[in-house]
Amino acid sequence: MSVDVFLKAVRGLPEVTEADSFGGMTGFRVHGKGFCYLNEADGIILLKATREEQEALVAEAPEVFSPSWSSGRFAWLEIDLGKVDPEELGELVTEGWRLSAPKRLADTLPAPSAP
């Protein structure tokens, strides 16, 4: 997936703001809560997830997903942009956004479809 395609997806979510962040990354927030960080130079994304989702994705595709840090009920995934499926990344970015957005705002997007 290209950086441009990723940026189009994340910027298309409601009320997302972006700003320079730690380590030269671009941070994406919704209502002041960070949910995604882009390291464009390395083609890496850090994305907010649940602990369970982090564990499952890393076990399923360790060449694409790596564990980053975790705190409380959330964990962060490191994702290789060059190896991730674009559709899957779109779903993961939306879910990361939902984990940070206020409920009234999160409810404005359709619920994810069941597998």
C-alpha atoms as a PDB file:
ATOM      1  CA  MET A   1       0.000   0.000   0.000  1.00  0.00           C
ATOM      2  CA  SER A   2       1.288   3.431  -0.836  1.00  0.00           C
ATOM      3  CA  VAL A   3       1.533   6.260   1.660  1.00  0.00           C
ATOM      4  CA  ASP A   4      -0.882   8.295  -0.484  1.00  0.00           C
ATOM      5  CA  VAL A   5      -3.565   5.583  -0.333  1.00  0.00           C
ATOM      6  CA  PHE A   6      -3.095   5.285   3.435  1.00  0.00           C
ATOM      7  CA  LEU A   7      -3.350   9.059   3.890  1.00  0.00           C
ATOM      8  CA  LYS A   8      -6.534   9.207   1.839  1.00  0.00           C
ATOM      9  CA  ALA A   9      -8.106   6.518   4.067  1.00  0.00           C
ATOM     10  CA  VAL A  10      -7.125   8.081   7.395  1.00  0.00           C
ATOM     11  CA  ARG A  11      -7.965  11.625   6.329  1.00  0.00           C
ATOM     12  CA  GLY A  12     -11.388  10.442   5.193  1.00  0.00           C
ATOM     13  CA  LEU A  13     -12.439   9.561   8.732  1.00  0.00           C
ATOM     14  CA  PRO A  14     -14.591  12.132  10.553  1.00  0.00           C
ATOM     15  CA  GLU A  15     -12.910  14.884  12.573  1.00  0.00           C
ATOM     16  CA  VAL A  16      -9.350  13.609  12.140  1.00  0.00           C
ATOM     17  CA  THR A  17      -6.547  16.077  12.759  1.00  0.00           C
ATOM     18  CA  GLU A  18      -2.900  15.564  12.009  1.00  0.00           C
ATOM     19  CA  ALA A  19       0.291  17.076  13.310  1.00  0.00           C
ATOM     20  CA  ASP A  20       3.979  16.373  13.579  1.00  0.00           C
ATOM     21  CA  SER A  21       4.631  13.980  16.394  1.00  0.00           C
ATOM     22  CA  PHE A  22       7.440  12.206  18.202  1.00  0.00           C
ATOM     23  CA  GLY A  23      10.406  10.885  16.235  1.00  0.00           C
ATOM     24  CA  GLY A  24       9.489  12.746  13.057  1.00  0.00           C
ATOM     25  CA  MET A  25       6.228  10.862  12.680  1.00  0.00           C
ATOM     26  CA  THR A  26       2.897  12.328  11.625  1.00  0.00           C
ATOM     27  CA  GLY A  27       0.260  11.767  14.298  1.00  0.00           C
ATOM     28  CA  PHE A  28      -3.458  11.371  13.640  1.00  0.00           C
ATOM     29  CA  ARG A  29      -6.006  12.219  16.328  1.00  0.00           C
ATOM     30  CA  VAL A  30      -9.717  12.344  16.848  1.00  0.00           C
ATOM     31  CA  HIS A  31     -10.929  14.705  19.602  1.00  0.00           C
ATOM     32  CA  GLY A  32      -7.386  14.993  20.939  1.00  0.00           C
ATOM     33  CA  LYS A  33      -6.792  11.236  21.210  1.00  0.00           C
ATOM     34  CA  GLY A  34      -4.079   9.688  19.078  1.00  0.00           C
ATOM     35  CA  PHE A  35      -4.963   6.547  17.170  1.00  0.00           C
ATOM     36  CA  CYS A  36      -2.382   6.323  14.395  1.00  0.00           C
ATOM     37  CA  TYR A  37       1.150   7.485  13.625  1.00  0.00           C
ATOM     38  CA  LEU A  38       2.920   7.392  10.264  1.00  0.00           C
ATOM     39  CA  ASN A  39       6.663   7.067   9.824  1.00  0.00           C
ATOM     40  CA  GLU A  40       6.728   7.855   6.121  1.00  0.00           C
ATOM     41  CA  ALA A  41      10.504   7.461   5.768  1.00  0.00           C
ATOM     42  CA  ASP A  42      10.372   3.855   6.986  1.00  0.00           C
ATOM     43  CA  GLY A  43       6.936   2.978   5.568  1.00  0.00           C
ATOM     44  CA  ILE A  44       5.686   2.052   9.040  1.00  0.00           C
ATOM     45  CA  ILE A  45       2.431   2.829  10.821  1.00  0.00           C
ATOM     46  CA  LEU A  46       1.767   2.583  14.554  1.00  0.00           C
ATOM     47  CA  LEU A  47      -1.907   1.883  15.143  1.00  0.00           C
ATOM     48  CA  LYS A  48      -4.085   1.660  18.239  1.00  0.00           C
ATOM     49  CA  ALA A  49      -5.780  -1.719  18.731  1.00  0.00           C
ATOM     50  CA  THR A  50      -7.112  -3.935  21.459  1.00  0.00           C
ATOM     51  CA  ARG A  51      -4.678  -6.296  23.152  1.00  0.00           C
ATOM     52  CA  GLU A  52      -6.525  -9.268  21.667  1.00  0.00           C
ATOM     53  CA  GLU A  53      -6.384  -7.854  18.154  1.00  0.00           C
ATOM     54  CA  GLN A  54      -2.678  -7.094  18.468  1.00  0.00           C
ATOM     55  CA  GLU A  55      -1.950 -10.639  19.598  1.00  0.00           C
ATOM     56  CA  ALA A  56      -4.049 -12.230  16.832  1.00  0.00           C
ATOM     57  CA  LEU A  57      -2.613 -10.121  14.011  1.00  0.00           C
ATOM     58  CA  VAL A  58       1.003 -10.627  15.087  1.00  0.00           C
ATOM     59  CA  ALA A  59       0.443 -14.400  15.319  1.00  0.00           C
ATOM     60  CA  GLU A  60      -1.300 -14.477  11.921  1.00  0.00           C
ATOM     61  CA  ALA A  61       1.168 -12.371   9.917  1.00  0.00           C
ATOM     62  CA  PRO A  62       4.399 -11.543  11.785  1.00  0.00           C
ATOM     63  CA  GLU A  63       5.994 -10.323   8.545  1.00  0.00           C
ATOM     64  CA  VAL A  64       3.372  -7.540   8.383  1.00  0.00           C
ATOM     65  CA  PHE A  65       2.462  -6.849  12.018  1.00  0.00           C
ATOM     66  CA  SER A  66       4.748  -6.401  15.030  1.00  0.00           C
ATOM     67  CA  PRO A  67       3.781  -5.655  18.605  1.00  0.00           C
ATOM     68  CA  SER A  68       4.605  -2.163  19.744  1.00  0.00           C
ATOM     69  CA  TRP A  69       3.749  -1.080  23.284  1.00  0.00           C
ATOM     70  CA  SER A  70       0.638  -1.640  25.325  1.00  0.00           C
ATOM     71  CA  SER A  71      -1.040   0.224  28.132  1.00  0.00           C
ATOM     72  CA  GLY A  72      -4.252  -0.582  29.935  1.00  0.00           C
ATOM     73  CA  ARG A  73      -6.774  -2.221  27.643  1.00  0.00           C
ATOM     74  CA  PHE A  74      -5.085  -1.009  24.459  1.00  0.00           C
ATOM     75  CA  ALA A  75      -2.052  -2.168  22.535  1.00  0.00           C
ATOM     76  CA  TRP A  76      -0.291  -0.701  19.536  1.00  0.00           C
ATOM     77  CA  LEU A  77       0.623  -2.452  16.321  1.00  0.00           C
ATOM     78  CA  GLU A  78       3.545  -1.649  14.090  1.00  0.00           C
ATOM     79  CA  ILE A  79       2.434  -2.252  10.497  1.00  0.00           C
ATOM     80  CA  ASP A  80       4.641  -2.518   7.403  1.00  0.00           C
ATOM     81  CA  LEU A  81       2.872  -0.443   4.738  1.00  0.00           C
ATOM     82  CA  GLY A  82       4.617  -2.288   1.930  1.00  0.00           C
ATOM     83  CA  LYS A  83       3.270  -5.666   3.037  1.00  0.00           C
ATOM     84  CA  VAL A  84      -0.214  -4.997   4.404  1.00  0.00           C
ATOM     85  CA  ASP A  85      -3.377  -5.676   2.438  1.00  0.00           C
ATOM     86  CA  PRO A  86      -4.986  -2.285   1.676  1.00  0.00           C
ATOM     87  CA  GLU A  87      -8.516  -3.431   2.529  1.00  0.00           C
ATOM     88  CA  GLU A  88      -7.389  -4.919   5.841  1.00  0.00           C
ATOM     89  CA  LEU A  89      -5.477  -1.759   6.720  1.00  0.00           C
ATOM     90  CA  GLY A  90      -8.531   0.359   5.958  1.00  0.00           C
ATOM     91  CA  GLU A  91     -10.565  -1.735   8.397  1.00  0.00           C
ATOM     92  CA  LEU A  92      -7.836  -1.597  11.055  1.00  0.00           C
ATOM     93  CA  VAL A  93      -7.427   2.182  10.763  1.00  0.00           C
ATOM     94  CA  THR A  94     -11.186   2.624  11.096  1.00  0.00           C
ATOM     95  CA  GLU A  95     -11.215   0.384  14.167  1.00  0.00           C
ATOM     96  CA  GLY A  96      -8.310   2.332  15.707  1.00  0.00           C
ATOM     97  CA  TRP A  97     -10.252   5.520  15.067  1.00  0.00           C
ATOM     98  CA  ARG A  98     -13.356   3.993  16.726  1.00  0.00           C
ATOM     99  CA  LEU A  99     -11.299   3.125  19.827  1.00  0.00           C
ATOM    100  CA  SER A 100     -10.447   6.819  20.237  1.00  0.00           C
ATOM    101  CA  ALA A 101     -13.525   8.639  18.941  1.00  0.00           C
ATOM    102  CA  PRO A 102     -16.382   9.659  21.240  1.00  0.00           C
ATOM    103  CA  LYS A 103     -19.275   7.189  21.003  1.00  0.00           C
ATOM    104  CA  ARG A 104     -21.597   9.691  19.295  1.00  0.00           C
ATOM    105  CA  LEU A 105     -19.012  10.207  16.571  1.00  0.00           C
ATOM    106  CA  ALA A 106     -18.056   6.530  16.258  1.00  0.00           C
ATOM    107  CA  ASP A 107     -21.738   5.719  15.771  1.00  0.00           C
ATOM    108  CA  THR A 108     -21.794   7.860  12.612  1.00  0.00           C
ATOM    109  CA  LEU A 109     -19.903   5.187  10.692  1.00  0.00           C
ATOM    110  CA  PRO A 110     -21.528   1.877   9.773  1.00  0.00           C
ATOM    111  CA  ALA A 111     -20.682  -0.999  12.083  1.00  0.00           C
ATOM    112  CA  PRO A 112     -18.050  -3.379  10.749  1.00  0.00           C
ATOM    113  CA  SER A 113     -19.517  -6.401   8.986  1.00  0.00           C
ATOM    114  CA  ALA A 114     -19.298  -9.761  10.719  1.00  0.00           C
ATOM    115  CA  PRO A 115     -16.926 -12.335   9.202  1.00  0.00           C
END
